[in-house]
Amino acid sequence: MFRLAVLLVTVTVTGAYSPADIKICRKEGHKLRGGRMVPGYTGGVPTIEACLKSCLANSACKALVYKPKSQDGSFLGRCYLKADGYAAPSPDPDTDAPSQSLEMGCLKALKMWGIKCT
C-alpha cells in the first residue's frame, strides 16, 4: 500500500516591486472597467508607483488604473483601485492622458516564478 503525502506550500509575496517589474506588467493606454473600490479614485497621485503603494496597502485591491497628469492640466494623477470583478484591459481612447493598468496577479507571478504576463 502506498501513501501519498501532499505538502502545501504557501508563498507570500512581500517587499516592493521594482520599476522594471512595473514596466513589464503595466499596460500603457489601457483601462480596467468595473471592480472599482470606494472612494472611486484618489486624485493628486504623482506616479504609478504611488498608486501601487495604495493598492498594496489594501488586501481587497487586485489591480489598479493610473491616469497620469493631463497635458491640459485639468487634473493631476488619478489612482483607481480595483477589486475582484474588473473586466479585461481595454484600450483607453483618451490620448491626452492615457491610462496605465496594472494587475497584481501579474506582479505576483513575476516575483514568484519569473512569469512575464502579456
PDB file of N, CA and C in Angstrom:
ATOM      1  N   MET A   1       0.840  -1.169   0.000  1.00  0.00           N
ATOM      2  CA  MET A   1       0.000   0.000   0.000  1.00  0.00           C
ATOM      3  C   MET A   1       0.890   1.239   0.000  1.00  0.00           C
ATOM      4  N   PHE A   2       0.567   2.169  -0.864  1.00  0.00           N
ATOM      5  CA  PHE A   2       1.331   3.403  -0.975  1.00  0.00           C
ATOM      6  C   PHE A   2       0.620   4.534  -0.248  1.00  0.00           C
ATOM      7  N   ARG A   3       1.392   5.356   0.344  1.00  0.00           N
ATOM      8  CA  ARG A   3       0.844   6.545   0.982  1.00  0.00           C
ATOM      9  C   ARG A   3       1.283   7.762   0.180  1.00  0.00           C
ATOM     10  N   LEU A   4       0.347   8.619  -0.033  1.00  0.00           N
ATOM     11  CA  LEU A   4       0.625   9.832  -0.785  1.00  0.00           C
ATOM     12  C   LEU A   4       0.546  11.014   0.170  1.00  0.00           C
ATOM     13  N   ALA A   5       1.626  11.698   0.286  1.00  0.00           N
ATOM     14  CA  ALA A   5       1.660  12.885   1.144  1.00  0.00           C
ATOM     15  C   ALA A   5       1.662  14.119   0.266  1.00  0.00           C
ATOM     16  N   VAL A   6       0.830  15.044   0.636  1.00  0.00           N
ATOM     17  CA  VAL A   6       0.756  16.298  -0.110  1.00  0.00           C
ATOM     18  C   VAL A   6       1.261  17.406   0.798  1.00  0.00           C
ATOM     19  N   LEU A   7       2.221  18.120   0.294  1.00  0.00           N
ATOM     20  CA  LEU A   7       2.780  19.237   1.036  1.00  0.00           C
ATOM     21  C   LEU A   7       2.300  20.519   0.381  1.00  0.00           C
ATOM     22  N   LEU A   8       1.573  21.287   1.134  1.00  0.00           N
ATOM     23  CA  LEU A   8       1.107  22.573   0.630  1.00  0.00           C
ATOM     24  C   LEU A   8       2.079  23.648   1.084  1.00  0.00           C
ATOM     25  N   VAL A   9       2.556  24.386   0.149  1.00  0.00           N
ATOM     26  CA  VAL A   9       3.486  25.462   0.447  1.00  0.00           C
ATOM     27  C   VAL A   9       2.807  26.782   0.121  1.00  0.00           C
ATOM     28  N   THR A  10       2.791  27.645   1.083  1.00  0.00           N
ATOM     29  CA  THR A  10       2.221  28.970   0.868  1.00  0.00           C
ATOM     30  C   THR A  10       3.372  29.944   0.659  1.00  0.00           C
ATOM     31  N   VAL A  11       3.319  30.631  -0.454  1.00  0.00           N
ATOM     32  CA  VAL A  11       4.335  31.620  -0.757  1.00  0.00           C
ATOM     33  C   VAL A  11       3.702  32.997  -0.598  1.00  0.00           C
ATOM     34  N   THR A  12       4.320  33.795   0.201  1.00  0.00           N
ATOM     35  CA  THR A  12       3.817  35.142   0.411  1.00  0.00           C
ATOM     36  C   THR A  12       4.712  36.121  -0.331  1.00  0.00           C
ATOM     37  N   VAL A  13       4.090  36.955  -1.111  1.00  0.00           N
ATOM     38  CA  VAL A  13       4.844  37.965  -1.832  1.00  0.00           C
ATOM     39  C   VAL A  13       4.928  39.210  -0.953  1.00  0.00           C
ATOM     40  N   THR A  14       6.128  39.573  -0.623  1.00  0.00           N
ATOM     41  CA  THR A  14       6.328  40.766   0.187  1.00  0.00           C
ATOM     42  C   THR A  14       7.385  41.630  -0.467  1.00  0.00           C
ATOM     43  N   GLY A  15       7.540  42.801   0.068  1.00  0.00           N
ATOM     44  CA  GLY A  15       8.557  43.693  -0.447  1.00  0.00           C
ATOM     45  C   GLY A  15       8.057  44.507  -1.615  1.00  0.00           C
ATOM     46  N   ALA A  16       8.857  45.468  -1.971  1.00  0.00           N
ATOM     47  CA  ALA A  16       8.482  46.383  -3.040  1.00  0.00           C
ATOM     48  C   ALA A  16       8.761  45.764  -4.403  1.00  0.00           C
ATOM     49  N   TYR A  17       8.012  46.208  -5.356  1.00  0.00           N
ATOM     50  CA  TYR A  17       8.257  45.807  -6.737  1.00  0.00           C
ATOM     51  C   TYR A  17       9.151  46.860  -7.368  1.00  0.00           C
ATOM     52  N   SER A  18      10.060  46.422  -8.200  1.00  0.00           N
ATOM     53  CA  SER A  18      10.994  47.338  -8.834  1.00  0.00           C
ATOM     54  C   SER A  18      10.333  48.063 -10.008  1.00  0.00           C
ATOM     55  N   PRO A  19      10.905  49.180 -10.427  1.00  0.00           N
ATOM     56  CA  PRO A  19      10.388  49.855 -11.626  1.00  0.00           C
ATOM     57  C   PRO A  19      10.389  48.927 -12.839  1.00  0.00           C
ATOM     58  N   ALA A  20      11.366  48.017 -12.918  1.00  0.00           N
ATOM     59  CA  ALA A  20      11.412  47.056 -14.031  1.00  0.00           C
ATOM     60  C   ALA A  20      10.215  46.103 -13.971  1.00  0.00           C
ATOM     61  N   ASP A  21       9.852  45.653 -12.757  1.00  0.00           N
ATOM     62  CA  ASP A  21       8.678  44.782 -12.596  1.00  0.00           C
ATOM     63  C   ASP A  21       7.424  45.506 -13.070  1.00  0.00           C
ATOM     64  N   ILE A  22       7.287  46.740 -12.638  1.00  0.00           N
ATOM     65  CA  ILE A  22       6.108  47.534 -13.003  1.00  0.00           C
ATOM     66  C   ILE A  22       6.053  47.730 -14.511  1.00  0.00           C
ATOM     67  N   LYS A  23       7.200  48.010 -15.120  1.00  0.00           N
ATOM     68  CA  LYS A  23       7.240  48.220 -16.570  1.00  0.00           C
ATOM     69  C   LYS A  23       6.801  46.968 -17.327  1.00  0.00           C
ATOM     70  N   ILE A  24       7.210  45.799 -16.846  1.00  0.00           N
ATOM     71  CA  ILE A  24       6.837  44.544 -17.507  1.00  0.00           C
ATOM     72  C   ILE A  24       5.329  44.316 -17.435  1.00  0.00           C
ATOM     73  N   CYS A  25       4.722  44.588 -16.289  1.00  0.00           N
ATOM     74  CA  CYS A  25       3.306  44.281 -16.080  1.00  0.00           C
ATOM     75  C   CYS A  25       2.347  45.406 -16.465  1.00  0.00           C
ATOM     76  N   ARG A  26       2.845  46.619 -16.565  1.00  0.00           N
ATOM     77  CA  ARG A  26       1.985  47.773 -16.871  1.00  0.00           C
ATOM     78  C   ARG A  26       1.478  47.699 -18.316  1.00  0.00           C
ATOM     79  N   LYS A  27       0.196  47.994 -18.490  1.00  0.00           N
ATOM     80  CA  LYS A  27      -0.398  48.060 -19.823  1.00  0.00           C
ATOM     81  C   LYS A  27      -0.674  49.525 -20.132  1.00  0.00           C
ATOM     82  N   GLU A  28       0.180  50.098 -20.948  1.00  0.00           N
ATOM     83  CA  GLU A  28       0.055  51.507 -21.338  1.00  0.00           C
ATOM     84  C   GLU A  28      -1.156  51.687 -22.247  1.00  0.00           C
ATOM     85  N   GLY A  29      -1.912  52.756 -22.003  1.00  0.00           N
ATOM     86  CA  GLY A  29      -3.048  53.064 -22.867  1.00  0.00           C
ATOM     87  C   GLY A  29      -4.228  52.131 -22.696  1.00  0.00           C
ATOM     88  N   HIS A  30      -4.283  51.433 -21.544  1.00  0.00           N
ATOM     89  CA  HIS A  30      -5.389  50.507 -21.266  1.00  0.00           C
ATOM     90  C   HIS A  30      -6.017  50.818 -19.920  1.00  0.00           C
ATOM     91  N   LYS A  31      -7.302  50.574 -19.833  1.00  0.00           N
ATOM     92  CA  LYS A  31      -8.029  50.760 -18.577  1.00  0.00           C
ATOM     93  C   LYS A  31      -8.738  49.461 -18.218  1.00  0.00           C
ATOM     94  N   LEU A  32      -9.177  49.381 -16.985  1.00  0.00           N
ATOM     95  CA  LEU A  32      -9.917  48.223 -16.483  1.00  0.00           C
ATOM     96  C   LEU A  32     -11.278  48.724 -16.029  1.00  0.00           C
ATOM     97  N   ARG A  33     -12.322  48.212 -16.618  1.00  0.00           N
ATOM     98  CA  ARG A  33     -13.679  48.628 -16.224  1.00  0.00           C
ATOM     99  C   ARG A  33     -14.191  47.728 -15.107  1.00  0.00           C
ATOM    100  N   GLY A  34     -15.046  48.313 -14.253  1.00  0.00           N
ATOM    101  CA  GLY A  34     -15.675  47.546 -13.179  1.00  0.00           C
ATOM    102  C   GLY A  34     -14.729  47.313 -12.010  1.00  0.00           C
ATOM    103  N   GLY A  35     -15.267  46.732 -10.961  1.00  0.00           N
ATOM    104  CA  GLY A  35     -14.479  46.398  -9.787  1.00  0.00           C
ATOM    105  C   GLY A  35     -13.956  47.594  -9.015  1.00  0.00           C
ATOM    106  N   ARG A  36     -14.493  48.767  -9.294  1.00  0.00           N
ATOM    107  CA  ARG A  36     -13.982  49.975  -8.649  1.00  0.00           C
ATOM    108  C   ARG A  36     -14.253  49.943  -7.158  1.00  0.00           C
ATOM    109  N   MET A  37     -13.253  50.309  -6.406  1.00  0.00           N
ATOM    110  CA  MET A  37     -13.372  50.351  -4.956  1.00  0.00           C
ATOM    111  C   MET A  37     -13.732  51.761  -4.510  1.00  0.00           C
ATOM    112  N   VAL A  38     -14.361  51.872  -3.362  1.00  0.00           N
ATOM    113  CA  VAL A  38     -14.720  53.170  -2.789  1.00  0.00           C
ATOM    114  C   VAL A  38     -13.434  53.788  -2.242  1.00  0.00           C
ATOM    115  N   PRO A  39     -13.123  55.009  -2.503  1.00  0.00           N
ATOM    116  CA  PRO A  39     -13.962  56.119  -2.924  1.00  0.00           C
ATOM    117  C   PRO A  39     -13.991  56.335  -4.431  1.00  0.00           C
ATOM    118  N   GLY A  40     -13.670  55.391  -5.235  1.00  0.00           N
ATOM    119  CA  GLY A  40     -13.666  55.586  -6.687  1.00  0.00           C
ATOM    120  C   GLY A  40     -12.265  55.845  -7.182  1.00  0.00           C
ATOM    121  N   TYR A  41     -11.733  57.014  -6.846  1.00  0.00           N
ATOM    122  CA  TYR A  41     -10.346  57.297  -7.190  1.00  0.00           C
ATOM    123  C   TYR A  41      -9.759  58.276  -6.195  1.00  0.00           C
ATOM    124  N   THR A  42      -8.447  58.310  -6.167  1.00  0.00           N
ATOM    125  CA  THR A  42      -7.721  59.280  -5.364  1.00  0.00           C
ATOM    126  C   THR A  42      -7.006  60.204  -6.329  1.00  0.00           C
ATOM    127  N   GLY A  43      -7.185  61.502  -6.165  1.00  0.00           N
ATOM    128  CA  GLY A  43      -6.543  62.477  -7.037  1.00  0.00           C
ATOM    129  C   GLY A  43      -5.219  62.954  -6.481  1.00  0.00           C
ATOM    130  N   GLY A  44      -4.428  63.583  -7.333  1.00  0.00           N
ATOM    131  CA  GLY A  44      -3.151  64.134  -6.918  1.00  0.00           C
ATOM    132  C   GLY A  44      -2.070  63.101  -6.692  1.00  0.00           C
ATOM    133  N   VAL A  45      -2.224  61.930  -7.278  1.00  0.00           N
ATOM    134  CA  VAL A  45      -1.240  60.857  -7.128  1.00  0.00           C
ATOM    135  C   VAL A  45      -0.156  61.087  -8.187  1.00  0.00           C
ATOM    136  N   PRO A  46       1.096  61.265  -7.768  1.00  0.00           N
ATOM    137  CA  PRO A  46       2.129  61.684  -8.714  1.00  0.00           C
ATOM    138  C   PRO A  46       2.640  60.615  -9.682  1.00  0.00           C
ATOM    139  N   THR A  47       2.599  59.334  -9.265  1.00  0.00           N
ATOM    140  CA  THR A  47       3.189  58.273 -10.089  1.00  0.00           C
ATOM    141  C   THR A  47       2.397  56.978  -9.979  1.00  0.00           C
ATOM    142  N   ILE A  48       2.636  56.068 -10.912  1.00  0.00           N
ATOM    143  CA  ILE A  48       2.010  54.749 -10.827  1.00  0.00           C
ATOM    144  C   ILE A  48       2.552  53.986  -9.624  1.00  0.00           C
ATOM    145  N   GLU A  49       3.807  54.258  -9.241  1.00  0.00           N
ATOM    146  CA  GLU A  49       4.391  53.608  -8.064  1.00  0.00           C
ATOM    147  C   GLU A  49       3.643  54.014  -6.792  1.00  0.00           C
ATOM    148  N   ALA A  50       3.244  55.277  -6.690  1.00  0.00           N
ATOM    149  CA  ALA A  50       2.472  55.743  -5.533  1.00  0.00           C
ATOM    150  C   ALA A  50       1.086  55.094  -5.531  1.00  0.00           C
ATOM    151  N   CYS A  51       0.514  54.916  -6.709  1.00  0.00           N
ATOM    152  CA  CYS A  51      -0.781  54.246  -6.827  1.00  0.00           C
ATOM    153  C   CYS A  51      -0.649  52.779  -6.395  1.00  0.00           C
ATOM    154  N   LEU A  52       0.429  52.127  -6.824  1.00  0.00           N
ATOM    155  CA  LEU A  52       0.684  50.740  -6.443  1.00  0.00           C
ATOM    156  C   LEU A  52       0.835  50.614  -4.930  1.00  0.00           C
ATOM    157  N   LYS A  53       1.477  51.569  -4.307  1.00  0.00           N
ATOM    158  CA  LYS A  53       1.637  51.549  -2.846  1.00  0.00           C
ATOM    159  C   LYS A  53       0.268  51.529  -2.163  1.00  0.00           C
ATOM    160  N   SER A  54      -0.679  52.310  -2.672  1.00  0.00           N
ATOM    161  CA  SER A  54      -2.039  52.312  -2.122  1.00  0.00           C
ATOM    162  C   SER A  54      -2.702  50.953  -2.306  1.00  0.00           C
ATOM    163  N   CYS A  55      -2.494  50.353  -3.458  1.00  0.00           N
ATOM    164  CA  CYS A  55      -3.084  49.038  -3.739  1.00  0.00           C
ATOM    165  C   CYS A  55      -2.505  47.980  -2.792  1.00  0.00           C
ATOM    166  N   LEU A  56      -1.198  48.003  -2.611  1.00  0.00           N
ATOM    167  CA  LEU A  56      -0.550  47.025  -1.737  1.00  0.00           C
ATOM    168  C   LEU A  56      -1.005  47.152  -0.288  1.00  0.00           C
ATOM    169  N   ALA A  57      -1.438  48.339   0.103  1.00  0.00           N
ATOM    170  CA  ALA A  57      -1.895  48.577   1.477  1.00  0.00           C
ATOM    171  C   ALA A  57      -3.334  48.118   1.705  1.00  0.00           C
ATOM    172  N   ASN A  58      -4.012  47.687   0.635  1.00  0.00           N
ATOM    173  CA  ASN A  58      -5.408  47.278   0.734  1.00  0.00           C
ATOM    174  C   ASN A  58      -5.552  45.840   0.243  1.00  0.00           C
ATOM    175  N   SER A  59      -5.868  44.920   1.135  1.00  0.00           N
ATOM    176  CA  SER A  59      -5.921  43.497   0.773  1.00  0.00           C
ATOM    177  C   SER A  59      -6.990  43.175  -0.280  1.00  0.00           C
ATOM    178  N   ALA A  60      -7.994  44.024  -0.444  1.00  0.00           N
ATOM    179  CA  ALA A  60      -9.037  43.790  -1.447  1.00  0.00           C
ATOM    180  C   ALA A  60      -8.611  44.238  -2.843  1.00  0.00           C
ATOM    181  N   CYS A  61      -7.516  44.968  -2.943  1.00  0.00           N
ATOM    182  CA  CYS A  61      -7.069  45.508  -4.237  1.00  0.00           C
ATOM    183  C   CYS A  61      -6.426  44.412  -5.081  1.00  0.00           C
ATOM    184  N   LYS A  62      -6.957  44.205  -6.265  1.00  0.00           N
ATOM    185  CA  LYS A  62      -6.468  43.179  -7.192  1.00  0.00           C
ATOM    186  C   LYS A  62      -5.810  43.784  -8.430  1.00  0.00           C
ATOM    187  N   ALA A  63      -6.041  45.057  -8.670  1.00  0.00           N
ATOM    188  CA  ALA A  63      -5.485  45.746  -9.833  1.00  0.00           C
ATOM    189  C   ALA A  63      -5.638  47.242  -9.615  1.00  0.00           C
ATOM    190  N   LEU A  64      -5.051  48.008 -10.521  1.00  0.00           N
ATOM    191  CA  LEU A  64      -5.198  49.455 -10.443  1.00  0.00           C
ATOM    192  C   LEU A  64      -5.153  50.045 -11.840  1.00  0.00           C
ATOM    193  N   VAL A  65      -5.707  51.224 -11.928  1.00  0.00           N
ATOM    194  CA  VAL A  65      -5.583  52.032 -13.140  1.00  0.00           C
ATOM    195  C   VAL A  65      -5.028  53.375 -12.699  1.00  0.00           C
ATOM    196  N   TYR A  66      -3.945  53.775 -13.332  1.00  0.00           N
ATOM    197  CA  TYR A  66      -3.344  55.065 -13.035  1.00  0.00           C
ATOM    198  C   TYR A  66      -3.541  55.975 -14.239  1.00  0.00           C
ATOM    199  N   LYS A  67      -4.077  57.133 -13.989  1.00  0.00           N
ATOM    200  CA  LYS A  67      -4.313  58.137 -15.029  1.00  0.00           C
ATOM    201  C   LYS A  67      -3.352  59.280 -14.724  1.00  0.00           C
ATOM    202  N   PRO A  68      -2.288  59.438 -15.513  1.00  0.00           N
ATOM    203  CA  PRO A  68      -1.304  60.486 -15.208  1.00  0.00           C
ATOM    204  C   PRO A  68      -1.857  61.896 -15.404  1.00  0.00           C
ATOM    205  N   LYS A  69      -1.090  62.851 -14.974  1.00  0.00           N
ATOM    206  CA  LYS A  69      -1.471  64.262 -15.122  1.00  0.00           C
ATOM    207  C   LYS A  69      -1.830  64.544 -16.580  1.00  0.00           C
ATOM    208  N   SER A  70      -2.952  65.219 -16.759  1.00  0.00           N
ATOM    209  CA  SER A  70      -3.377  65.546 -18.123  1.00  0.00           C
ATOM    210  C   SER A  70      -2.494  66.656 -18.688  1.00  0.00           C
ATOM    211  N   GLN A  71      -2.290  66.627 -19.976  1.00  0.00           N
ATOM    212  CA  GLN A  71      -1.455  67.638 -20.624  1.00  0.00           C
ATOM    213  C   GLN A  71      -2.061  69.033 -20.497  1.00  0.00           C
ATOM    214  N   ASP A  72      -3.388  69.099 -20.459  1.00  0.00           N
ATOM    215  CA  ASP A  72      -4.041  70.418 -20.359  1.00  0.00           C
ATOM    216  C   ASP A  72      -4.161  70.908 -18.912  1.00  0.00           C
ATOM    217  N   GLY A  73      -3.683  70.077 -17.953  1.00  0.00           N
ATOM    218  CA  GLY A  73      -3.703  70.477 -16.554  1.00  0.00           C
ATOM    219  C   GLY A  73      -5.058  70.385 -15.875  1.00  0.00           C
ATOM    220  N   SER A  74      -6.034  69.728 -16.532  1.00  0.00           N
ATOM    221  CA  SER A  74      -7.377  69.657 -15.949  1.00  0.00           C
ATOM    222  C   SER A  74      -7.424  68.764 -14.707  1.00  0.00           C
ATOM    223  N   PHE A  75      -6.487  67.850 -14.573  1.00  0.00           N
ATOM    224  CA  PHE A  75      -6.390  67.076 -13.337  1.00  0.00           C
ATOM    225  C   PHE A  75      -4.968  66.554 -13.169  1.00  0.00           C
ATOM    226  N   LEU A  76      -4.607  66.308 -11.914  1.00  0.00           N
ATOM    227  CA  LEU A  76      -3.322  65.703 -11.585  1.00  0.00           C
ATOM    228  C   LEU A  76      -3.562  64.228 -11.343  1.00  0.00           C
ATOM    229  N   GLY A  77      -2.576  63.393 -11.521  1.00  0.00           N
ATOM    230  CA  GLY A  77      -2.696  61.944 -11.457  1.00  0.00           C
ATOM    231  C   GLY A  77      -3.830  61.382 -10.620  1.00  0.00           C
ATOM    232  N   ARG A  78      -4.553  60.440 -11.205  1.00  0.00           N
ATOM    233  CA  ARG A  78      -5.650  59.760 -10.507  1.00  0.00           C
ATOM    234  C   ARG A  78      -5.318  58.282 -10.369  1.00  0.00           C
ATOM    235  N   CYS A  79      -5.658  57.731  -9.210  1.00  0.00           N
ATOM    236  CA  CYS A  79      -5.418  56.324  -8.917  1.00  0.00           C
ATOM    237  C   CYS A  79      -6.747  55.642  -8.636  1.00  0.00           C
ATOM    238  N   TYR A  80      -7.097  54.672  -9.469  1.00  0.00           N
ATOM    239  CA  TYR A  80      -8.326  53.892  -9.308  1.00  0.00           C
ATOM    240  C   TYR A  80      -7.937  52.491  -8.842  1.00  0.00           C
ATOM    241  N   LEU A  81      -8.310  52.104  -7.630  1.00  0.00           N
ATOM    242  CA  LEU A  81      -8.051  50.755  -7.144  1.00  0.00           C
ATOM    243  C   LEU A  81      -9.197  49.854  -7.577  1.00  0.00           C
ATOM    244  N   LYS A  82      -8.865  48.618  -7.950  1.00  0.00           N
ATOM    245  CA  LYS A  82      -9.858  47.672  -8.459  1.00  0.00           C
ATOM    246  C   LYS A  82      -9.906  46.420  -7.587  1.00  0.00           C
ATOM    247  N   ALA A  83     -11.120  46.001  -7.262  1.00  0.00           N
ATOM    248  CA  ALA A  83     -11.341  44.762  -6.521  1.00  0.00           C
ATOM    249  C   ALA A  83     -11.695  43.666  -7.520  1.00  0.00           C
ATOM    250  N   ASP A  84     -11.996  42.472  -7.018  1.00  0.00           N
ATOM    251  CA  ASP A  84     -12.444  41.387  -7.898  1.00  0.00           C
ATOM    252  C   ASP A  84     -13.605  41.857  -8.763  1.00  0.00           C
ATOM    253  N   GLY A  85     -13.700  41.311  -9.949  1.00  0.00           N
ATOM    254  CA  GLY A  85     -14.833  41.609 -10.813  1.00  0.00           C
ATOM    255  C   GLY A  85     -14.550  42.633 -11.895  1.00  0.00           C
ATOM    256  N   TYR A  86     -13.305  43.094 -11.999  1.00  0.00           N
ATOM    257  CA  TYR A  86     -12.996  44.043 -13.065  1.00  0.00           C
ATOM    258  C   TYR A  86     -12.856  43.293 -14.396  1.00  0.00           C
ATOM    259  N   ALA A  87     -13.082  44.018 -15.473  1.00  0.00           N
ATOM    260  CA  ALA A  87     -13.017  43.420 -16.814  1.00  0.00           C
ATOM    261  C   ALA A  87     -11.575  43.402 -17.324  1.00  0.00           C
ATOM    262  N   ALA A  88     -11.364  42.651 -18.380  1.00  0.00           N
ATOM    263  CA  ALA A  88     -10.044  42.586 -19.019  1.00  0.00           C
ATOM    264  C   ALA A  88      -9.639  43.980 -19.503  1.00  0.00           C
ATOM    265  N   PRO A  89      -8.331  44.231 -19.580  1.00  0.00           N
ATOM    266  CA  PRO A  89      -7.881  45.543 -20.061  1.00  0.00           C
ATOM    267  C   PRO A  89      -8.451  45.873 -21.434  1.00  0.00           C
ATOM    268  N   SER A  90      -8.871  47.128 -21.587  1.00  0.00           N
ATOM    269  CA  SER A  90      -9.385  47.589 -22.876  1.00  0.00           C
ATOM    270  C   SER A  90      -8.708  48.909 -23.220  1.00  0.00           C
ATOM    271  N   PRO A  91      -8.562  49.197 -24.516  1.00  0.00           N
ATOM    272  CA  PRO A  91      -7.893  50.432 -24.918  1.00  0.00           C
ATOM    273  C   PRO A  91      -8.591  51.670 -24.360  1.00  0.00           C
ATOM    274  N   ASP A  92      -7.795  52.655 -23.954  1.00  0.00           N
ATOM    275  CA  ASP A  92      -8.306  53.919 -23.451  1.00  0.00           C
ATOM    276  C   ASP A  92      -8.277  54.919 -24.605  1.00  0.00           C
ATOM    277  N   PRO A  93      -9.438  55.434 -25.012  1.00  0.00           N
ATOM    278  CA  PRO A  93      -9.461  56.371 -26.135  1.00  0.00           C
ATOM    279  C   PRO A  93      -8.913  57.758 -25.796  1.00  0.00           C
ATOM    280  N   ASP A  94      -8.678  58.040 -24.519  1.00  0.00           N
ATOM    281  CA  ASP A  94      -8.174  59.350 -24.099  1.00  0.00           C
ATOM    282  C   ASP A  94      -6.683  59.446 -24.440  1.00  0.00           C
ATOM    283  N   THR A  95      -6.355  60.231 -25.450  1.00  0.00           N
ATOM    284  CA  THR A  95      -4.959  60.376 -25.850  1.00  0.00           C
ATOM    285  C   THR A  95      -4.249  61.502 -25.103  1.00  0.00           C
ATOM    286  N   ASP A  96      -5.004  62.365 -24.409  1.00  0.00           N
ATOM    287  CA  ASP A  96      -4.401  63.447 -23.631  1.00  0.00           C
ATOM    288  C   ASP A  96      -3.670  62.893 -22.405  1.00  0.00           C
ATOM    289  N   ALA A  97      -4.287  61.949 -21.735  1.00  0.00           N
ATOM    290  CA  ALA A  97      -3.697  61.328 -20.542  1.00  0.00           C
ATOM    291  C   ALA A  97      -4.097  59.858 -20.532  1.00  0.00           C
ATOM    292  N   PRO A  98      -3.480  59.040 -21.407  1.00  0.00           N
ATOM    293  CA  PRO A  98      -3.881  57.635 -21.488  1.00  0.00           C
ATOM    294  C   PRO A  98      -3.636  56.876 -20.179  1.00  0.00           C
ATOM    295  N   SER A  99      -4.568  56.012 -19.840  1.00  0.00           N
ATOM    296  CA  SER A  99      -4.486  55.223 -18.610  1.00  0.00           C
ATOM    297  C   SER A  99      -3.364  54.195 -18.681  1.00  0.00           C
ATOM    298  N   GLN A 100      -2.935  53.802 -17.502  1.00  0.00           N
ATOM    299  CA  GLN A 100      -1.980  52.708 -17.354  1.00  0.00           C
ATOM    300  C   GLN A 100      -2.616  51.725 -16.379  1.00  0.00           C
ATOM    301  N   SER A 101      -2.789  50.481 -16.789  1.00  0.00           N
ATOM    302  CA  SER A 101      -3.375  49.495 -15.889  1.00  0.00           C
ATOM    303  C   SER A 101      -2.296  48.535 -15.401  1.00  0.00           C
ATOM    304  N   LEU A 102      -2.511  48.021 -14.208  1.00  0.00           N
ATOM    305  CA  LEU A 102      -1.545  47.129 -13.584  1.00  0.00           C
ATOM    306  C   LEU A 102      -2.307  46.108 -12.752  1.00  0.00           C
ATOM    307  N   GLU A 103      -2.116  44.841 -13.064  1.00  0.00           N
ATOM    308  CA  GLU A 103      -2.800  43.769 -12.330  1.00  0.00           C
ATOM    309  C   GLU A 103      -1.841  43.132 -11.332  1.00  0.00           C
ATOM    310  N   MET A 104      -2.300  42.994 -10.100  1.00  0.00           N
ATOM    311  CA  MET A 104      -1.472  42.433  -9.044  1.00  0.00           C
ATOM    312  C   MET A 104      -1.060  41.000  -9.358  1.00  0.00           C
ATOM    313  N   GLY A 105      -1.948  40.249 -10.015  1.00  0.00           N
ATOM    314  CA  GLY A 105      -1.614  38.870 -10.377  1.00  0.00           C
ATOM    315  C   GLY A 105      -0.375  38.784 -11.241  1.00  0.00           C
ATOM    316  N   CYS A 106      -0.196  39.741 -12.135  1.00  0.00           N
ATOM    317  CA  CYS A 106       0.985  39.781 -12.989  1.00  0.00           C
ATOM    318  C   CYS A 106       2.241  40.025 -12.153  1.00  0.00           C
ATOM    319  N   LEU A 107       2.183  41.007 -11.265  1.00  0.00           N
ATOM    320  CA  LEU A 107       3.341  41.306 -10.424  1.00  0.00           C
ATOM    321  C   LEU A 107       3.708  40.116  -9.536  1.00  0.00           C
ATOM    322  N   LYS A 108       2.698  39.471  -8.969  1.00  0.00           N
ATOM    323  CA  LYS A 108       2.959  38.326  -8.095  1.00  0.00           C
ATOM    324  C   LYS A 108       3.570  37.167  -8.865  1.00  0.00           C
ATOM    325  N   ALA A 109       3.052  36.887 -10.057  1.00  0.00           N
ATOM    326  CA  ALA A 109       3.596  35.807 -10.887  1.00  0.00           C
ATOM    327  C   ALA A 109       5.037  36.114 -11.282  1.00  0.00           C
ATOM    328  N   LEU A 110       5.298  37.344 -11.584  1.00  0.00           N
ATOM    329  CA  LEU A 110       6.655  37.754 -11.971  1.00  0.00           C
ATOM    330  C   LEU A 110       7.617  37.559 -10.813  1.00  0.00           C
ATOM    331  N   LYS A 111       7.211  37.973  -9.612  1.00  0.00           N
ATOM    332  CA  LYS A 111       8.063  37.831  -8.433  1.00  0.00           C
ATOM    333  C   LYS A 111       8.271  36.375  -8.027  1.00  0.00           C
ATOM    334  N   MET A 112       7.188  35.599  -8.038  1.00  0.00           N
ATOM    335  CA  MET A 112       7.273  34.227  -7.550  1.00  0.00           C
ATOM    336  C   MET A 112       7.950  33.280  -8.530  1.00  0.00           C
ATOM    337  N   TRP A 113       7.581  33.394  -9.801  1.00  0.00           N
ATOM    338  CA  TRP A 113       8.031  32.397 -10.765  1.00  0.00           C
ATOM    339  C   TRP A 113       8.751  32.971 -11.980  1.00  0.00           C
ATOM    340  N   GLY A 114       8.917  34.265 -12.055  1.00  0.00           N
ATOM    341  CA  GLY A 114       9.574  34.863 -13.204  1.00  0.00           C
ATOM    342  C   GLY A 114       8.724  34.851 -14.460  1.00  0.00           C
ATOM    343  N   ILE A 115       7.419  34.639 -14.291  1.00  0.00           N
ATOM    344  CA  ILE A 115       6.496  34.593 -15.432  1.00  0.00           C
ATOM    345  C   ILE A 115       6.179  36.012 -15.862  1.00  0.00           C
ATOM    346  N   LYS A 116       6.371  36.293 -17.144  1.00  0.00           N
ATOM    347  CA  LYS A 116       6.054  37.618 -17.684  1.00  0.00           C
ATOM    348  C   LYS A 116       4.680  37.561 -18.329  1.00  0.00           C
ATOM    349  N   CYS A 117       3.755  38.354 -17.790  1.00  0.00           N
ATOM    350  CA  CYS A 117       2.385  38.376 -18.295  1.00  0.00           C
ATOM    351  C   CYS A 117       2.307  39.209 -19.557  1.00  0.00           C
ATOM    352  N   THR A 118       1.364  38.850 -20.421  1.00  0.00           N
ATOM    353  CA  THR A 118       1.169  39.635 -21.646  1.00  0.00           C
ATOM    354  C   THR A 118      -0.212  40.212 -21.661  1.00  0.00           C
TER     355      THR A 118
END
